[in-house]
């Protein structure tokens, strides 16, 4: 039962990774593409880590640290990239 749930979460995480790349081929703005990719990447990575947590419960401290790091750094780096991207667009428009 736990193995099935673990593998299911890992598969869901991989699906999120691929699903997040689909907006990259559209004609939307760079910020929309960045947001879609970062949200899907964060959710997919967290899902995979939770699946690993169910599979290897003895490593819970390391995996919990990985989840917290993903939540913080993916959010911060997404904002930094969006800020840098919006500065470039303002310079090109002005």
C-alpha atoms as a PDB file:
ATOM      1  CA  UNK A   1       0.000   0.000   0.000  1.00  0.00           C
ATOM      2  CA  UNK A   2       2.720   2.482   0.999  1.00  0.00           C
ATOM      3  CA  UNK A   3       4.855   1.470  -2.000  1.00  0.00           C
ATOM      4  CA  UNK A   4       1.946   2.110  -4.367  1.00  0.00           C
ATOM      5  CA  UNK A   5       1.278   5.523  -2.855  1.00  0.00           C
ATOM      6  CA  UNK A   6       4.990   6.335  -3.000  1.00  0.00           C
ATOM      7  CA  UNK A   7       5.283   5.401  -6.671  1.00  0.00           C
ATOM      8  CA  UNK A   8       2.046   7.248  -7.406  1.00  0.00           C
ATOM      9  CA  UNK A   9       3.398  10.464  -5.882  1.00  0.00           C
ATOM     10  CA  UNK A  10       6.634  10.120  -7.829  1.00  0.00           C
ATOM     11  CA  UNK A  11       4.693   9.660 -11.087  1.00  0.00           C
ATOM     12  CA  UNK A  12       2.472  12.662 -10.258  1.00  0.00           C
ATOM     13  CA  UNK A  13       5.615  14.720  -9.654  1.00  0.00           C
ATOM     14  CA  UNK A  14       7.060  13.764 -13.023  1.00  0.00           C
ATOM     15  CA  UNK A  15       3.734  14.623 -14.681  1.00  0.00           C
ATOM     16  CA  UNK A  16       3.832  18.058 -13.010  1.00  0.00           C
ATOM     17  CA  UNK A  17       7.348  18.601 -14.379  1.00  0.00           C
ATOM     18  CA  UNK A  18       6.253  17.862 -17.946  1.00  0.00           C
ATOM     19  CA  UNK A  19       2.958  19.751 -17.542  1.00  0.00           C
ATOM     20  CA  UNK A  20       4.875  22.842 -16.451  1.00  0.00           C
ATOM     21  CA  UNK A  21       6.873  22.894 -19.674  1.00  0.00           C
ATOM     22  CA  UNK A  22       3.803  23.052 -21.935  1.00  0.00           C
ATOM     23  CA  UNK A  23       3.235  26.837 -21.526  1.00  0.00           C
ATOM     24  CA  UNK A  24       6.787  27.437 -22.777  1.00  0.00           C
ATOM     25  CA  UNK A  25       5.708  26.743 -26.352  1.00  0.00           C
ATOM     26  CA  UNK A  26       2.804  29.224 -26.231  1.00  0.00           C
ATOM     27  CA  UNK A  27       2.713  32.886 -27.169  1.00  0.00           C
ATOM     28  CA  UNK A  28       2.190  34.190 -23.640  1.00  0.00           C
ATOM     29  CA  UNK A  29       4.414  36.654 -21.803  1.00  0.00           C
ATOM     30  CA  UNK A  30       7.711  35.654 -20.267  1.00  0.00           C
ATOM     31  CA  UNK A  31       6.349  36.238 -16.756  1.00  0.00           C
ATOM     32  CA  UNK A  32       3.385  33.887 -17.352  1.00  0.00           C
ATOM     33  CA  UNK A  33       5.744  31.221 -18.656  1.00  0.00           C
ATOM     34  CA  UNK A  34       8.073  31.684 -15.697  1.00  0.00           C
ATOM     35  CA  UNK A  35       5.214  31.478 -13.210  1.00  0.00           C
ATOM     36  CA  UNK A  36       3.765  28.322 -14.778  1.00  0.00           C
ATOM     37  CA  UNK A  37       7.132  26.632 -14.904  1.00  0.00           C
ATOM     38  CA  UNK A  38       8.146  27.515 -11.345  1.00  0.00           C
ATOM     39  CA  UNK A  39       4.819  26.453  -9.791  1.00  0.00           C
ATOM     40  CA  UNK A  40       4.770  23.137 -11.644  1.00  0.00           C
ATOM     41  CA  UNK A  41       8.431  22.509 -10.850  1.00  0.00           C
ATOM     42  CA  UNK A  42       7.916  23.207  -7.147  1.00  0.00           C
ATOM     43  CA  UNK A  43       4.809  21.025  -6.881  1.00  0.00           C
ATOM     44  CA  UNK A  44       6.403  18.225  -8.885  1.00  0.00           C
ATOM     45  CA  UNK A  45       9.601  18.255  -6.861  1.00  0.00           C
ATOM     46  CA  UNK A  46       7.709  18.322  -3.564  1.00  0.00           C
ATOM     47  CA  UNK A  47       5.513  15.445  -4.705  1.00  0.00           C
ATOM     48  CA  UNK A  48       8.569  13.388  -5.613  1.00  0.00           C
ATOM     49  CA  UNK A  49      10.226  14.142  -2.274  1.00  0.00           C
ATOM     50  CA  UNK A  50       7.068  13.172  -0.356  1.00  0.00           C
ATOM     51  CA  UNK A  51       7.020   9.936  -2.369  1.00  0.00           C
ATOM     52  CA  UNK A  52      10.620   9.325  -1.364  1.00  0.00           C
ATOM     53  CA  UNK A  53       9.735  10.151   2.239  1.00  0.00           C
ATOM     54  CA  UNK A  54       7.159   7.349   2.194  1.00  0.00           C
ATOM     55  CA  UNK A  55       9.675   5.006   0.593  1.00  0.00           C
ATOM     56  CA  UNK A  56      12.637   5.846   2.892  1.00  0.00           C
ATOM     57  CA  UNK A  57      11.210   7.079   6.218  1.00  0.00           C
ATOM     58  CA  UNK A  58      14.601   6.785   7.943  1.00  0.00           C
ATOM     59  CA  UNK A  59      15.806   9.845   5.977  1.00  0.00           C
ATOM     60  CA  UNK A  60      12.931  12.094   7.082  1.00  0.00           C
ATOM     61  CA  UNK A  61      15.170  14.920   8.352  1.00  0.00           C
ATOM     62  CA  UNK A  62      17.030  15.288   5.065  1.00  0.00           C
ATOM     63  CA  UNK A  63      13.869  15.024   2.988  1.00  0.00           C
ATOM     64  CA  UNK A  64      12.033  17.543   5.165  1.00  0.00           C
ATOM     65  CA  UNK A  65      14.944  19.938   4.756  1.00  0.00           C
ATOM     66  CA  UNK A  66      14.746  19.412   0.986  1.00  0.00           C
ATOM     67  CA  UNK A  67      11.014  20.266   0.974  1.00  0.00           C
ATOM     68  CA  UNK A  68      11.547  23.432   2.998  1.00  0.00           C
ATOM     69  CA  UNK A  69      14.482  24.462   0.788  1.00  0.00           C
ATOM     70  CA  UNK A  70      12.429  23.906  -2.357  1.00  0.00           C
ATOM     71  CA  UNK A  71       9.557  25.990  -1.031  1.00  0.00           C
ATOM     72  CA  UNK A  72      11.819  28.885  -0.090  1.00  0.00           C
ATOM     73  CA  UNK A  73      14.384  28.926  -2.888  1.00  0.00           C
ATOM     74  CA  UNK A  74      12.049  28.245  -5.812  1.00  0.00           C
ATOM     75  CA  UNK A  75       9.824  31.086  -4.635  1.00  0.00           C
ATOM     76  CA  UNK A  76      12.700  33.517  -4.065  1.00  0.00           C
ATOM     77  CA  UNK A  77      14.448  32.711  -7.337  1.00  0.00           C
ATOM     78  CA  UNK A  78      11.158  32.986  -9.230  1.00  0.00           C
ATOM     79  CA  UNK A  79      10.666  36.502  -7.869  1.00  0.00           C
ATOM     80  CA  UNK A  80      14.256  37.460  -8.689  1.00  0.00           C
ATOM     81  CA  UNK A  81      13.943  36.229 -12.267  1.00  0.00           C
ATOM     82  CA  UNK A  82      10.582  37.973 -12.675  1.00  0.00           C
ATOM     83  CA  UNK A  83      12.043  41.214 -11.337  1.00  0.00           C
ATOM     84  CA  UNK A  84      14.996  41.042 -13.718  1.00  0.00           C
ATOM     85  CA  UNK A  85      12.704  40.193 -16.618  1.00  0.00           C
ATOM     86  CA  UNK A  86      10.355  43.098 -15.899  1.00  0.00           C
ATOM     87  CA  UNK A  87      13.319  45.526 -15.829  1.00  0.00           C
ATOM     88  CA  UNK A  88      14.381  44.378 -19.291  1.00  0.00           C
ATOM     89  CA  UNK A  89      10.849  44.813 -20.673  1.00  0.00           C
ATOM     90  CA  UNK A  90      10.575  48.336 -19.216  1.00  0.00           C
ATOM     91  CA  UNK A  91      13.923  49.322 -20.764  1.00  0.00           C
ATOM     92  CA  UNK A  92      12.852  47.992 -24.173  1.00  0.00           C
ATOM     93  CA  UNK A  93       9.499  49.810 -24.020  1.00  0.00           C
ATOM     94  CA  UNK A  94      11.031  53.121 -22.850  1.00  0.00           C
END
